[in-house]
Amino acid sequence: MPSLEDMTETTALPAPTTAAPAPTYAHSKNLSVIALVLGIASVLLGYTFIVPIAAIVVGVLGYRREPAGHALAVWGIVLGAVMAFGWLIFGFFGLIFAAPFFLVGLF
C-alpha cells in the first residue's frame, strides 16, 4: 500500500492543450476587394468608361475606410486610372486619325 508521503508527492502534470482562437479581423476589406475586382474587370472588358471610374471611386472609399485593405484599394485605383487614361488616349488618337476624313468630306 502506498505511504502517505507517496500520495502527497506532487507530480508534474502535462500542460493542458487548448486550441488557439481563430484570428478575428477588426476591419473588413469589402470595398477594397470590390475596387480590385472592378479594376481587373476594366482591364479584361477592354476600353469601357463606367467600370474604371467605378473602380477609382470605390478604391478611394476603400482606401479611406478600410486600413486593412490599402493594398487592394491602391491596385483597384491604379488599374482603374490606367484604363480610364487609356480610354482618353484612345479617343484622342481616334479623333486625330478621323479628322482628315471628315475634313475631306466637307470640301
C-alpha atoms as a PDB file:
ATOM      1  CA  MET A   1       0.000   0.000   0.000  1.00  0.00           C
ATOM      2  CA  PRO A   2       1.368   3.479  -0.831  1.00  0.00           C
ATOM      3  CA  SER A   3       2.550   5.553   2.022  1.00  0.00           C
ATOM      4  CA  LEU A   4       1.292   8.998   2.916  1.00  0.00           C
ATOM      5  CA  GLU A   5       4.452  10.528   1.533  1.00  0.00           C
ATOM      6  CA  ASP A   6       3.832   8.917  -1.856  1.00  0.00           C
ATOM      7  CA  MET A   7       0.278  10.250  -2.000  1.00  0.00           C
ATOM      8  CA  THR A   8       1.237  13.821  -1.147  1.00  0.00           C
ATOM      9  CA  GLU A   9       4.107  13.917  -3.585  1.00  0.00           C
ATOM     10  CA  THR A  10       3.217  16.224  -6.439  1.00  0.00           C
ATOM     11  CA  THR A  11       3.973  15.064  -9.883  1.00  0.00           C
ATOM     12  CA  ALA A  12       4.148  17.356 -12.827  1.00  0.00           C
ATOM     13  CA  LEU A  13       1.076  17.038 -14.936  1.00  0.00           C
ATOM     14  CA  PRO A  14       1.293  17.787 -18.634  1.00  0.00           C
ATOM     15  CA  ALA A  15       0.119  21.246 -19.563  1.00  0.00           C
ATOM     16  CA  PRO A  16      -3.414  21.272 -20.864  1.00  0.00           C
ATOM     17  CA  THR A  17      -3.620  21.739 -24.590  1.00  0.00           C
ATOM     18  CA  THR A  18      -6.129  24.177 -25.955  1.00  0.00           C
ATOM     19  CA  ALA A  19      -6.845  25.184 -29.486  1.00  0.00           C
ATOM     20  CA  ALA A  20      -5.719  28.631 -30.462  1.00  0.00           C
ATOM     21  CA  PRO A  21      -8.602  31.006 -31.061  1.00  0.00           C
ATOM     22  CA  ALA A  22      -9.382  31.840 -34.650  1.00  0.00           C
ATOM     23  CA  PRO A  23      -7.972  35.184 -35.721  1.00  0.00           C
ATOM     24  CA  THR A  24     -10.527  37.950 -35.806  1.00  0.00           C
ATOM     25  CA  TYR A  25     -10.271  40.771 -38.268  1.00  0.00           C
ATOM     26  CA  ALA A  26     -11.266  44.099 -36.851  1.00  0.00           C
ATOM     27  CA  HIS A  27     -11.693  45.674 -40.272  1.00  0.00           C
ATOM     28  CA  SER A  28     -13.322  44.267 -43.345  1.00  0.00           C
ATOM     29  CA  LYS A  29     -11.895  44.599 -46.822  1.00  0.00           C
ATOM     30  CA  ASN A  30     -15.128  44.556 -48.800  1.00  0.00           C
ATOM     31  CA  LEU A  31     -14.725  47.887 -50.584  1.00  0.00           C
ATOM     32  CA  SER A  32     -11.068  47.214 -51.317  1.00  0.00           C
ATOM     33  CA  VAL A  33     -11.824  43.816 -52.831  1.00  0.00           C
ATOM     34  CA  ILE A  34     -14.639  45.296 -54.916  1.00  0.00           C
ATOM     35  CA  ALA A  35     -12.265  48.010 -56.169  1.00  0.00           C
ATOM     36  CA  LEU A  36      -9.702  45.401 -57.163  1.00  0.00           C
ATOM     37  CA  VAL A  37     -12.327  43.297 -58.943  1.00  0.00           C
ATOM     38  CA  LEU A  38     -13.608  46.360 -60.808  1.00  0.00           C
ATOM     39  CA  GLY A  39     -10.040  47.295 -61.760  1.00  0.00           C
ATOM     40  CA  ILE A  40      -9.362  43.818 -63.121  1.00  0.00           C
ATOM     41  CA  ALA A  41     -12.732  43.804 -64.876  1.00  0.00           C
ATOM     42  CA  SER A  42     -11.925  47.113 -66.549  1.00  0.00           C
ATOM     43  CA  VAL A  43      -8.748  45.568 -67.953  1.00  0.00           C
ATOM     44  CA  LEU A  44     -10.472  42.390 -69.094  1.00  0.00           C
ATOM     45  CA  LEU A  45     -13.537  44.106 -70.565  1.00  0.00           C
ATOM     46  CA  GLY A  46     -11.456  46.433 -72.703  1.00  0.00           C
ATOM     47  CA  TYR A  47     -11.996  50.122 -73.055  1.00  0.00           C
ATOM     48  CA  THR A  48     -15.166  50.687 -71.114  1.00  0.00           C
ATOM     49  CA  PHE A  49     -15.785  54.015 -69.438  1.00  0.00           C
ATOM     50  CA  ILE A  50     -18.006  53.298 -66.440  1.00  0.00           C
ATOM     51  CA  VAL A  51     -16.099  50.380 -64.899  1.00  0.00           C
ATOM     52  CA  PRO A  52     -12.741  52.210 -64.469  1.00  0.00           C
ATOM     53  CA  ILE A  53     -14.482  55.224 -62.947  1.00  0.00           C
ATOM     54  CA  ALA A  54     -16.337  52.921 -60.535  1.00  0.00           C
ATOM     55  CA  ALA A  55     -13.029  51.214 -59.660  1.00  0.00           C
ATOM     56  CA  ILE A  56     -11.447  54.569 -58.847  1.00  0.00           C
ATOM     57  CA  VAL A  57     -14.392  55.759 -56.736  1.00  0.00           C
ATOM     58  CA  VAL A  58     -14.778  52.515 -54.795  1.00  0.00           C
ATOM     59  CA  GLY A  59     -10.994  52.275 -54.412  1.00  0.00           C
ATOM     60  CA  VAL A  60     -10.786  55.720 -52.847  1.00  0.00           C
ATOM     61  CA  LEU A  61     -13.643  54.850 -50.489  1.00  0.00           C
ATOM     62  CA  GLY A  62     -11.947  51.578 -49.563  1.00  0.00           C
ATOM     63  CA  TYR A  63      -8.612  53.302 -49.042  1.00  0.00           C
ATOM     64  CA  ARG A  64     -10.118  55.827 -46.646  1.00  0.00           C
ATOM     65  CA  ARG A  65     -12.421  53.491 -44.714  1.00  0.00           C
ATOM     66  CA  GLU A  66     -10.501  50.207 -44.578  1.00  0.00           C
ATOM     67  CA  PRO A  67      -6.919  50.359 -43.325  1.00  0.00           C
ATOM     68  CA  ALA A  68      -6.547  46.589 -43.658  1.00  0.00           C
ATOM     69  CA  GLY A  69      -7.225  46.707 -47.397  1.00  0.00           C
ATOM     70  CA  HIS A  70      -4.960  49.551 -48.517  1.00  0.00           C
ATOM     71  CA  ALA A  71      -3.001  47.427 -50.982  1.00  0.00           C
ATOM     72  CA  LEU A  72      -6.124  46.073 -52.669  1.00  0.00           C
ATOM     73  CA  ALA A  73      -7.662  49.536 -52.869  1.00  0.00           C
ATOM     74  CA  VAL A  74      -4.493  51.007 -54.370  1.00  0.00           C
ATOM     75  CA  TRP A  75      -4.395  48.308 -57.031  1.00  0.00           C
ATOM     76  CA  GLY A  76      -8.042  48.963 -57.854  1.00  0.00           C
ATOM     77  CA  ILE A  77      -7.342  52.695 -58.150  1.00  0.00           C
ATOM     78  CA  VAL A  78      -4.244  52.147 -60.311  1.00  0.00           C
ATOM     79  CA  LEU A  79      -5.934  49.701 -62.684  1.00  0.00           C
ATOM     80  CA  GLY A  80      -8.986  51.921 -62.976  1.00  0.00           C
ATOM     81  CA  ALA A  81      -6.867  55.018 -63.619  1.00  0.00           C
ATOM     82  CA  VAL A  82      -4.734  53.273 -66.238  1.00  0.00           C
ATOM     83  CA  MET A  83      -7.807  52.058 -68.094  1.00  0.00           C
ATOM     84  CA  ALA A  84      -9.609  55.417 -67.815  1.00  0.00           C
ATOM     85  CA  PHE A  85      -6.482  57.202 -69.071  1.00  0.00           C
ATOM     86  CA  GLY A  86      -6.209  54.614 -71.846  1.00  0.00           C
ATOM     87  CA  TRP A  87      -9.773  55.424 -72.853  1.00  0.00           C
ATOM     88  CA  LEU A  88      -8.903  59.120 -73.121  1.00  0.00           C
ATOM     89  CA  ILE A  89      -5.755  58.410 -75.164  1.00  0.00           C
ATOM     90  CA  PHE A  90      -7.682  56.049 -77.441  1.00  0.00           C
ATOM     91  CA  GLY A  91     -10.364  58.687 -78.019  1.00  0.00           C
ATOM     92  CA  PHE A  92      -7.796  61.423 -78.642  1.00  0.00           C
ATOM     93  CA  PHE A  93      -5.873  59.433 -81.257  1.00  0.00           C
ATOM     94  CA  GLY A  94      -9.126  58.282 -82.797  1.00  0.00           C
ATOM     95  CA  LEU A  95     -10.189  61.884 -83.304  1.00  0.00           C
ATOM     96  CA  ILE A  96      -6.795  62.812 -84.754  1.00  0.00           C
ATOM     97  CA  PHE A  97      -6.964  59.878 -87.147  1.00  0.00           C
ATOM     98  CA  ALA A  98     -10.582  60.515 -88.172  1.00  0.00           C
ATOM     99  CA  ALA A  99     -10.302  64.316 -88.550  1.00  0.00           C
ATOM    100  CA  PRO A 100      -8.745  64.269 -92.064  1.00  0.00           C
ATOM    101  CA  PHE A 101     -11.515  62.023 -93.353  1.00  0.00           C
ATOM    102  CA  PHE A 102     -14.163  64.391 -92.011  1.00  0.00           C
ATOM    103  CA  LEU A 103     -12.374  67.419 -93.496  1.00  0.00           C
ATOM    104  CA  VAL A 104     -12.118  65.772 -96.935  1.00  0.00           C
ATOM    105  CA  GLY A 105     -15.851  65.126 -96.899  1.00  0.00           C
ATOM    106  CA  LEU A 106     -16.571  68.812 -96.227  1.00  0.00           C
ATOM    107  CA  PHE A 107     -14.851  70.060 -99.417  1.00  0.00           C
END
